N, C-alpha and C. Protein backbone atom coordinates (compact mmCIF):
# COMPACT_ATOMS: atom_id res chain seq x y z
N MET A 1 158.92 -168.74 135.68
CA MET A 1 158.08 -167.58 135.41
C MET A 1 158.63 -166.74 134.25
N LYS A 2 159.95 -166.57 134.21
CA LYS A 2 160.55 -165.78 133.14
C LYS A 2 160.34 -166.45 131.79
N LYS A 3 160.37 -167.79 131.78
CA LYS A 3 160.16 -168.53 130.54
C LYS A 3 158.75 -168.29 130.02
N LEU A 4 157.76 -168.26 130.91
CA LEU A 4 156.37 -168.02 130.53
C LEU A 4 156.20 -166.61 129.98
N GLU A 5 156.83 -165.64 130.63
CA GLU A 5 156.75 -164.25 130.15
C GLU A 5 157.40 -164.11 128.78
N LYS A 6 158.52 -164.81 128.58
CA LYS A 6 159.21 -164.76 127.30
C LYS A 6 158.34 -165.38 126.21
N LEU A 7 157.65 -166.48 126.53
CA LEU A 7 156.75 -167.13 125.58
C LEU A 7 155.59 -166.21 125.23
N LYS A 8 155.03 -165.53 126.22
CA LYS A 8 153.93 -164.59 125.96
C LYS A 8 154.38 -163.45 125.06
N LYS A 9 155.57 -162.91 125.32
CA LYS A 9 156.09 -161.83 124.49
C LYS A 9 156.32 -162.32 123.06
N HIS A 10 156.82 -163.54 122.92
CA HIS A 10 157.04 -164.12 121.60
C HIS A 10 155.71 -164.26 120.85
N LYS A 11 154.67 -164.75 121.53
CA LYS A 11 153.35 -164.90 120.90
C LYS A 11 152.79 -163.56 120.47
N ILE A 12 152.89 -162.58 121.35
CA ILE A 12 152.38 -161.24 121.02
C ILE A 12 153.12 -160.67 119.82
N LEU A 13 154.44 -160.86 119.79
CA LEU A 13 155.23 -160.38 118.66
C LEU A 13 154.83 -161.10 117.37
N LEU A 14 154.62 -162.40 117.45
CA LEU A 14 154.20 -163.19 116.29
C LEU A 14 152.84 -162.73 115.79
N TYR A 15 151.87 -162.58 116.69
CA TYR A 15 150.53 -162.14 116.31
C TYR A 15 150.57 -160.76 115.67
N THR A 16 151.30 -159.86 116.31
CA THR A 16 151.38 -158.49 115.83
C THR A 16 152.08 -158.42 114.47
N SER A 17 153.12 -159.23 114.28
CA SER A 17 153.84 -159.24 113.00
C SER A 17 152.94 -159.69 111.86
N GLY A 18 152.17 -160.74 112.09
CA GLY A 18 151.24 -161.20 111.07
C GLY A 18 150.22 -160.14 110.71
N GLY A 19 149.68 -159.48 111.72
CA GLY A 19 148.72 -158.41 111.48
C GLY A 19 149.34 -157.22 110.78
N LEU A 20 150.57 -156.89 111.15
CA LEU A 20 151.27 -155.76 110.52
C LEU A 20 151.49 -156.01 109.03
N ILE A 21 151.95 -157.20 108.69
CA ILE A 21 152.19 -157.53 107.28
C ILE A 21 150.89 -157.53 106.49
N ALA A 22 149.87 -158.19 107.03
CA ALA A 22 148.58 -158.25 106.33
C ALA A 22 147.95 -156.87 106.21
N GLY A 23 148.01 -156.08 107.27
CA GLY A 23 147.46 -154.72 107.24
C GLY A 23 148.19 -153.83 106.25
N PHE A 24 149.51 -153.95 106.22
CA PHE A 24 150.31 -153.17 105.27
C PHE A 24 149.91 -153.49 103.83
N LEU A 25 149.82 -154.78 103.52
CA LEU A 25 149.44 -155.19 102.16
C LEU A 25 148.02 -154.76 101.83
N ASN A 26 147.13 -154.83 102.81
CA ASN A 26 145.75 -154.41 102.58
C ASN A 26 145.69 -152.91 102.31
N GLY A 27 146.43 -152.13 103.08
CA GLY A 27 146.44 -150.68 102.88
C GLY A 27 147.10 -150.29 101.57
N LEU A 28 148.15 -151.00 101.18
CA LEU A 28 148.88 -150.68 99.96
C LEU A 28 148.12 -151.07 98.70
N PHE A 29 147.55 -152.27 98.71
CA PHE A 29 146.90 -152.79 97.50
C PHE A 29 145.39 -152.73 97.54
N GLY A 30 144.80 -152.38 98.68
CA GLY A 30 143.34 -152.37 98.79
C GLY A 30 142.79 -153.78 98.96
N SER A 31 143.67 -154.73 99.09
CA SER A 31 143.30 -156.12 99.36
C SER A 31 144.54 -156.83 99.86
N GLY A 32 144.42 -158.09 100.08
CA GLY A 32 145.59 -158.84 100.52
C GLY A 32 145.48 -159.32 101.95
N GLY A 33 144.57 -158.71 102.70
CA GLY A 33 144.42 -159.12 104.08
C GLY A 33 144.10 -160.59 104.22
N GLY A 34 143.11 -161.05 103.48
CA GLY A 34 142.69 -162.45 103.58
C GLY A 34 143.71 -163.40 102.99
N THR A 35 144.36 -163.00 101.92
CA THR A 35 145.33 -163.89 101.29
C THR A 35 146.57 -164.07 102.14
N VAL A 36 146.81 -163.16 103.05
CA VAL A 36 147.96 -163.28 103.95
C VAL A 36 147.53 -163.79 105.32
N ILE A 37 146.45 -163.28 105.84
CA ILE A 37 146.08 -163.59 107.22
C ILE A 37 145.57 -165.02 107.37
N VAL A 38 144.86 -165.55 106.38
CA VAL A 38 144.35 -166.93 106.49
C VAL A 38 145.51 -167.93 106.55
N PRO A 39 146.45 -167.90 105.59
CA PRO A 39 147.58 -168.83 105.72
C PRO A 39 148.40 -168.60 107.00
N PHE A 40 148.52 -167.35 107.42
CA PHE A 40 149.24 -167.04 108.66
C PHE A 40 148.57 -167.71 109.86
N LEU A 41 147.26 -167.60 109.95
CA LEU A 41 146.53 -168.22 111.06
C LEU A 41 146.67 -169.74 111.03
N GLU A 42 146.62 -170.30 109.84
CA GLU A 42 146.71 -171.76 109.71
C GLU A 42 148.12 -172.28 109.99
N GLU A 43 149.11 -171.68 109.37
CA GLU A 43 150.46 -172.22 109.43
C GLU A 43 151.24 -171.81 110.69
N PHE A 44 151.16 -170.54 111.05
CA PHE A 44 151.96 -170.06 112.17
C PHE A 44 151.24 -170.13 113.52
N LEU A 45 149.92 -170.04 113.49
CA LEU A 45 149.18 -170.07 114.75
C LEU A 45 148.39 -171.35 114.93
N ASP A 46 148.56 -172.27 114.00
CA ASP A 46 147.99 -173.62 114.09
C ASP A 46 146.48 -173.64 114.30
N ARG A 47 145.79 -172.79 113.55
CA ARG A 47 144.33 -172.78 113.60
C ARG A 47 143.79 -173.59 112.43
N ASP A 48 142.62 -174.19 112.61
CA ASP A 48 142.02 -174.96 111.52
C ASP A 48 141.43 -174.02 110.47
N GLU A 49 141.07 -174.58 109.33
CA GLU A 49 140.59 -173.77 108.20
C GLU A 49 139.34 -172.97 108.54
N HIS A 50 138.38 -173.62 109.20
CA HIS A 50 137.13 -172.92 109.55
C HIS A 50 137.42 -171.72 110.44
N THR A 51 138.19 -171.94 111.49
CA THR A 51 138.51 -170.85 112.43
C THR A 51 139.32 -169.76 111.73
N SER A 52 140.27 -170.15 110.88
CA SER A 52 141.11 -169.16 110.20
C SER A 52 140.29 -168.25 109.30
N HIS A 53 139.41 -168.84 108.51
CA HIS A 53 138.61 -168.03 107.58
C HIS A 53 137.61 -167.15 108.33
N ALA A 54 136.97 -167.71 109.35
CA ALA A 54 136.01 -166.92 110.11
C ALA A 54 136.70 -165.80 110.88
N THR A 55 137.85 -166.08 111.48
CA THR A 55 138.59 -165.08 112.24
C THR A 55 139.14 -163.99 111.32
N ALA A 56 139.55 -164.39 110.12
CA ALA A 56 140.10 -163.42 109.16
C ALA A 56 139.08 -162.34 108.83
N ILE A 57 137.82 -162.70 108.80
CA ILE A 57 136.78 -161.71 108.47
C ILE A 57 136.79 -160.56 109.47
N LEU A 58 136.88 -160.88 110.75
CA LEU A 58 136.90 -159.83 111.77
C LEU A 58 138.20 -159.04 111.71
N ILE A 59 139.31 -159.73 111.50
CA ILE A 59 140.60 -159.05 111.40
C ILE A 59 140.59 -158.08 110.22
N ILE A 60 140.07 -158.53 109.09
CA ILE A 60 140.03 -157.70 107.89
C ILE A 60 139.13 -156.48 108.07
N LEU A 61 138.12 -156.60 108.91
CA LEU A 61 137.24 -155.45 109.18
C LEU A 61 138.05 -154.25 109.68
N GLY A 62 138.99 -154.50 110.58
CA GLY A 62 139.83 -153.41 111.07
C GLY A 62 140.66 -152.79 109.96
N PHE A 63 141.25 -153.65 109.11
CA PHE A 63 142.03 -153.14 107.98
C PHE A 63 141.15 -152.28 107.07
N THR A 64 139.96 -152.78 106.85
CA THR A 64 139.03 -152.13 105.93
C THR A 64 138.62 -150.75 106.45
N ILE A 65 138.37 -150.65 107.73
CA ILE A 65 137.97 -149.35 108.30
C ILE A 65 139.09 -148.33 108.14
N VAL A 66 140.31 -148.73 108.44
CA VAL A 66 141.45 -147.81 108.31
C VAL A 66 141.64 -147.41 106.85
N SER A 67 141.60 -148.39 105.95
CA SER A 67 141.77 -148.09 104.52
C SER A 67 140.64 -147.20 104.01
N LEU A 68 139.42 -147.46 104.46
CA LEU A 68 138.27 -146.65 104.06
C LEU A 68 138.47 -145.19 104.45
N ILE A 69 138.97 -144.97 105.63
CA ILE A 69 139.22 -143.60 106.09
C ILE A 69 140.22 -142.90 105.17
N PHE A 70 141.34 -143.58 104.88
CA PHE A 70 142.36 -142.95 104.03
C PHE A 70 141.87 -142.76 102.60
N TYR A 71 141.29 -143.79 102.01
CA TYR A 71 140.82 -143.68 100.63
C TYR A 71 139.62 -142.74 100.52
N GLY A 72 138.72 -142.80 101.49
CA GLY A 72 137.53 -141.95 101.47
C GLY A 72 137.87 -140.48 101.59
N PHE A 73 138.74 -140.15 102.55
CA PHE A 73 139.13 -138.76 102.73
C PHE A 73 140.14 -138.31 101.68
N GLY A 74 140.75 -139.27 101.01
CA GLY A 74 141.70 -138.94 99.94
C GLY A 74 141.02 -138.69 98.61
N HIS A 75 139.70 -138.78 98.61
CA HIS A 75 138.89 -138.50 97.42
C HIS A 75 139.22 -139.41 96.23
N VAL A 76 139.60 -140.64 96.51
CA VAL A 76 139.85 -141.59 95.42
C VAL A 76 138.84 -142.73 95.46
N LEU A 77 137.87 -142.63 96.33
CA LEU A 77 136.87 -143.68 96.49
C LEU A 77 135.63 -143.35 95.69
N ASP A 78 135.15 -144.28 94.90
CA ASP A 78 133.90 -144.14 94.16
C ASP A 78 132.78 -144.69 95.05
N TRP A 79 132.14 -143.81 95.81
CA TRP A 79 131.15 -144.21 96.81
C TRP A 79 129.97 -144.95 96.19
N ARG A 80 129.47 -144.45 95.08
CA ARG A 80 128.31 -145.09 94.44
C ARG A 80 128.65 -146.52 94.01
N LEU A 81 129.78 -146.67 93.37
CA LEU A 81 130.21 -148.00 92.95
C LEU A 81 130.42 -148.91 94.16
N ALA A 82 131.08 -148.40 95.20
CA ALA A 82 131.34 -149.20 96.39
C ALA A 82 130.05 -149.66 97.06
N LEU A 83 129.09 -148.78 97.17
CA LEU A 83 127.83 -149.15 97.82
C LEU A 83 127.02 -150.14 96.99
N THR A 84 127.04 -149.96 95.67
CA THR A 84 126.31 -150.87 94.79
C THR A 84 126.91 -152.28 94.84
N VAL A 85 128.22 -152.36 94.72
CA VAL A 85 128.89 -153.67 94.77
C VAL A 85 128.75 -154.28 96.17
N SER A 86 128.77 -153.46 97.19
CA SER A 86 128.63 -153.95 98.57
C SER A 86 127.29 -154.62 98.81
N ALA A 87 126.26 -154.15 98.13
CA ALA A 87 124.94 -154.78 98.29
C ALA A 87 125.02 -156.25 97.88
N GLY A 88 125.64 -156.52 96.75
CA GLY A 88 125.84 -157.91 96.34
C GLY A 88 126.81 -158.63 97.26
N GLY A 89 127.79 -157.91 97.75
CA GLY A 89 128.77 -158.49 98.67
C GLY A 89 128.16 -158.96 99.98
N VAL A 90 127.16 -158.24 100.46
CA VAL A 90 126.48 -158.64 101.70
C VAL A 90 125.77 -159.97 101.49
N VAL A 91 125.06 -160.09 100.39
CA VAL A 91 124.37 -161.35 100.08
C VAL A 91 125.39 -162.46 99.88
N GLY A 92 126.44 -162.19 99.11
CA GLY A 92 127.48 -163.19 98.87
C GLY A 92 128.18 -163.60 100.16
N GLY A 93 128.42 -162.64 101.04
CA GLY A 93 129.05 -162.95 102.32
C GLY A 93 128.19 -163.85 103.19
N PHE A 94 126.89 -163.59 103.18
CA PHE A 94 125.95 -164.43 103.92
C PHE A 94 125.98 -165.86 103.38
N LEU A 95 125.89 -165.98 102.05
CA LEU A 95 125.89 -167.32 101.43
C LEU A 95 127.22 -168.05 101.66
N GLY A 96 128.31 -167.33 101.55
CA GLY A 96 129.62 -167.93 101.77
C GLY A 96 129.81 -168.40 103.20
N ALA A 97 129.35 -167.60 104.15
CA ALA A 97 129.46 -167.99 105.56
C ALA A 97 128.63 -169.23 105.86
N ARG A 98 127.47 -169.31 105.25
CA ARG A 98 126.63 -170.51 105.43
C ARG A 98 127.30 -171.74 104.83
N LEU A 99 127.90 -171.57 103.65
CA LEU A 99 128.57 -172.68 102.99
C LEU A 99 129.81 -173.13 103.76
N LEU A 100 130.52 -172.20 104.37
CA LEU A 100 131.74 -172.52 105.11
C LEU A 100 131.49 -173.60 106.16
N LYS A 101 130.34 -173.54 106.81
CA LYS A 101 130.01 -174.52 107.85
C LYS A 101 129.90 -175.94 107.28
N ARG A 102 129.53 -176.05 106.01
CA ARG A 102 129.25 -177.36 105.41
C ARG A 102 130.48 -178.00 104.75
N LEU A 103 131.53 -177.23 104.54
CA LEU A 103 132.71 -177.75 103.85
C LEU A 103 133.72 -178.32 104.83
N THR A 104 134.45 -179.32 104.39
CA THR A 104 135.53 -179.86 105.23
C THR A 104 136.72 -178.91 105.15
N GLY A 105 137.62 -179.05 106.10
CA GLY A 105 138.82 -178.21 106.10
C GLY A 105 139.63 -178.38 104.83
N GLY A 106 139.76 -179.62 104.34
CA GLY A 106 140.50 -179.87 103.10
C GLY A 106 139.87 -179.20 101.90
N MET A 107 138.54 -179.23 101.84
CA MET A 107 137.84 -178.59 100.72
C MET A 107 138.06 -177.08 100.75
N ILE A 108 137.98 -176.50 101.94
CA ILE A 108 138.19 -175.05 102.08
C ILE A 108 139.59 -174.69 101.61
N ARG A 109 140.58 -175.46 102.04
CA ARG A 109 141.97 -175.19 101.68
C ARG A 109 142.15 -175.26 100.16
N LYS A 110 141.57 -176.26 99.51
CA LYS A 110 141.71 -176.41 98.06
C LYS A 110 141.01 -175.28 97.31
N ILE A 111 139.80 -174.94 97.71
CA ILE A 111 139.07 -173.85 97.05
C ILE A 111 139.82 -172.53 97.20
N PHE A 112 140.28 -172.26 98.41
CA PHE A 112 141.03 -171.03 98.68
C PHE A 112 142.31 -170.99 97.84
N GLY A 113 143.01 -172.11 97.77
CA GLY A 113 144.23 -172.19 96.97
C GLY A 113 143.97 -171.95 95.50
N ILE A 114 142.90 -172.51 94.99
CA ILE A 114 142.55 -172.32 93.57
C ILE A 114 142.28 -170.84 93.29
N PHE A 115 141.52 -170.19 94.17
CA PHE A 115 141.25 -168.77 93.97
C PHE A 115 142.53 -167.93 94.05
N MET A 116 143.43 -168.30 94.94
CA MET A 116 144.70 -167.57 95.04
C MET A 116 145.53 -167.76 93.78
N LEU A 117 145.55 -168.98 93.23
CA LEU A 117 146.29 -169.22 91.99
C LEU A 117 145.70 -168.44 90.82
N ILE A 118 144.39 -168.45 90.70
CA ILE A 118 143.72 -167.70 89.64
C ILE A 118 144.05 -166.21 89.75
N ALA A 119 143.98 -165.67 90.97
CA ALA A 119 144.31 -164.26 91.17
C ALA A 119 145.76 -163.97 90.81
N ALA A 120 146.65 -164.87 91.19
CA ALA A 120 148.09 -164.67 90.89
C ALA A 120 148.32 -164.68 89.38
N VAL A 121 147.75 -165.62 88.68
CA VAL A 121 147.92 -165.70 87.23
C VAL A 121 147.36 -164.46 86.56
N ARG A 122 146.20 -164.02 86.99
CA ARG A 122 145.61 -162.81 86.38
C ARG A 122 146.49 -161.59 86.62
N MET A 123 147.06 -161.49 87.82
CA MET A 123 147.91 -160.33 88.13
C MET A 123 149.20 -160.35 87.31
N VAL A 124 149.79 -161.52 87.16
CA VAL A 124 151.05 -161.62 86.43
C VAL A 124 150.85 -161.36 84.93
N PHE A 125 149.75 -161.84 84.38
CA PHE A 125 149.57 -161.77 82.93
C PHE A 125 148.60 -160.68 82.47
N SER A 126 148.14 -159.82 83.36
CA SER A 126 147.28 -158.72 82.91
C SER A 126 148.14 -157.54 82.49
N LYS A 127 147.53 -156.57 81.85
CA LYS A 127 148.26 -155.42 81.32
C LYS A 127 149.27 -154.95 82.28
């Protein structure tokens, strides 16, 4: 029984640590939740690509709400810009979610990796 309790505590600590790191990066940079939480779900929690990407969306929602409160009340949020871009984001999110069902796990991993590499290169070599 003690072994089972220890395993449960270890899992809870692992889950919470992944969320803490991803949430911290999301709050600090305004993004990063997906780039951290998806690989975390896949590698450390042994979830498949479809489940990891779909689950990350709900996890990121919590990060987003907290960040929205801080940025919104901190008067650094451009509401008009955010709402305008969000309109396209809703359509894009719908299309992306539909496409996710049709892709294999390997294809999802490669596409995600390519986008992460492009983002990394742009960040390193931009002003």
